[in-house]
Amino acid sequence: MPAMDPDYPDDIGFLNRKLLPTAASCGNHPLTDVSGPTSTIDGTPANSYKYCIPRNSNECVNGSALGQIYVNCPGLIVGGLGETPAQPYGCNGNGLVGSTQLGVGNDVCIHNAAAYIQNISQFSTNPPGGADFTGFTRRALVSDVGRIRMSPGFDNARLLPYNSWLLCGNWWSDLQTASAWMAFMPPATSTDGENRATFQRQTLSVPGMTNYAHAIMKFGYLEYGAPDALNCTTRADACVANQMTVPTTGPPFVFASEVTPPHLPPGSRARRRPGA
């Protein structure tokens, strides 16, 4: 899949790697991202259910190029719904219920992940101001709704009287049955006022320094590795912010592998990933 814009090597096909998380699966198995400056992947069992997306030549495998995606998907079925001679390894059906093999067949699906995916979420039908364009009234309630790509995309939940418990479906967790599950409703909470349609700001002070023009900051999230890794995406590459304001166009931040010490390349922009 060619990059949409050579100026933004993290936009590959319909993927926007610096803006949204990547959802990747092999049949009903989630895939682990091993991308990074020193990444490697091959077809051996040690790399089963992994994928790698190079943003520079020779990442993932020798000879790799921008716009390619490498996947180790055991038992891959070639051909099916939606494939073409140029793309024989496409995603059967769609990313919700999906493949002709009821999720057990090993096709490959890679796409942008939504903010609320594979869970039951709660939102207000009467938010302050009449509309909620920033997600401040929404929260995730239950995440265990079944196996990926084997859960109906339009499934729903029902509250019991007095709103104490909710009933929801659990689809094929054991690959054998679909069940009705109950979940305790957590108490309602006040909204925090965070705008979840943009990036969260953090104010930092740099003590003990004088006569400097600017500073850059590495940042990351615990769910993407050890604290000292400072990864803000599934790519094993620390994230760097270098601006006080959030740009409206261009890449939202730069990876450490893009930085030329001691300064960033001209025209670099930075911002933070939206809050969950």
Foldseek 3Di string as FASTA:
>chain_A
DAAPDLQQLCRAPQGNQLAFAKWKDFLLHTAAEQEEPAAADDQDPVRERYKYADSPAQTHHHGDDRNDIDHRHPQQDFADPPADPVRRQDWADDFALTHPVRSPHTGMDMHGDDPDDQFAKDFDCQDVVRDDPQQQRMDTFGRQQETGSNHDPPFHWAADPPRQKIWGWYGCNVVPDIDIDIDGDDDDDDGPPDRQVFFDDDDDDDPPDPDDDFDKDWADDVVCDDRVQSHPHVHSFIWMATDRDQDPDDRATDTPVQQDPPGRDPPGHHGHHGDD
